[in-house]
Amino acid sequence: MRKIEKIIHRKKKAYFQEQMKQLKKLHGQKKKSRRMYELVNDVRKEFKPCMIACRDITEMIMNEPSEIMELWRQHFQNLTKRPKYFEFGDYPIIRRSGKGY
């Protein structure tokens, strides 16, 4: 286990040294300041893993891509199954398909 940690540490150190070389090369060059500041932020900020998740109707967290796609498919199917009219108090409002509606 210790050997793996040493290898990871060496690779991380080599990565940061390479980033510093690129920063030194970009420093002072005109029209390269944007790239330089992107590198500075990459070095300065810590890694934040991104996780894509959704909650279903029962408030369970879904994180499998196929489950999320199925959840969205069901959601949009439910949106298209709207009633032909809406109740507004005692008066039904009929939904018409056509210009202006």
Foldseek 3Di string as FASTA:
>chain_A
DVVVVVVVVVVVVVVVVVLVVVLVVQPPDPPCVVVNVVSVCVVPDDDDDDFDWDAAPVRDIDGDPVVVVVRVVVVVVVVVPDDQWDDDDPDIHGDDDDPPD
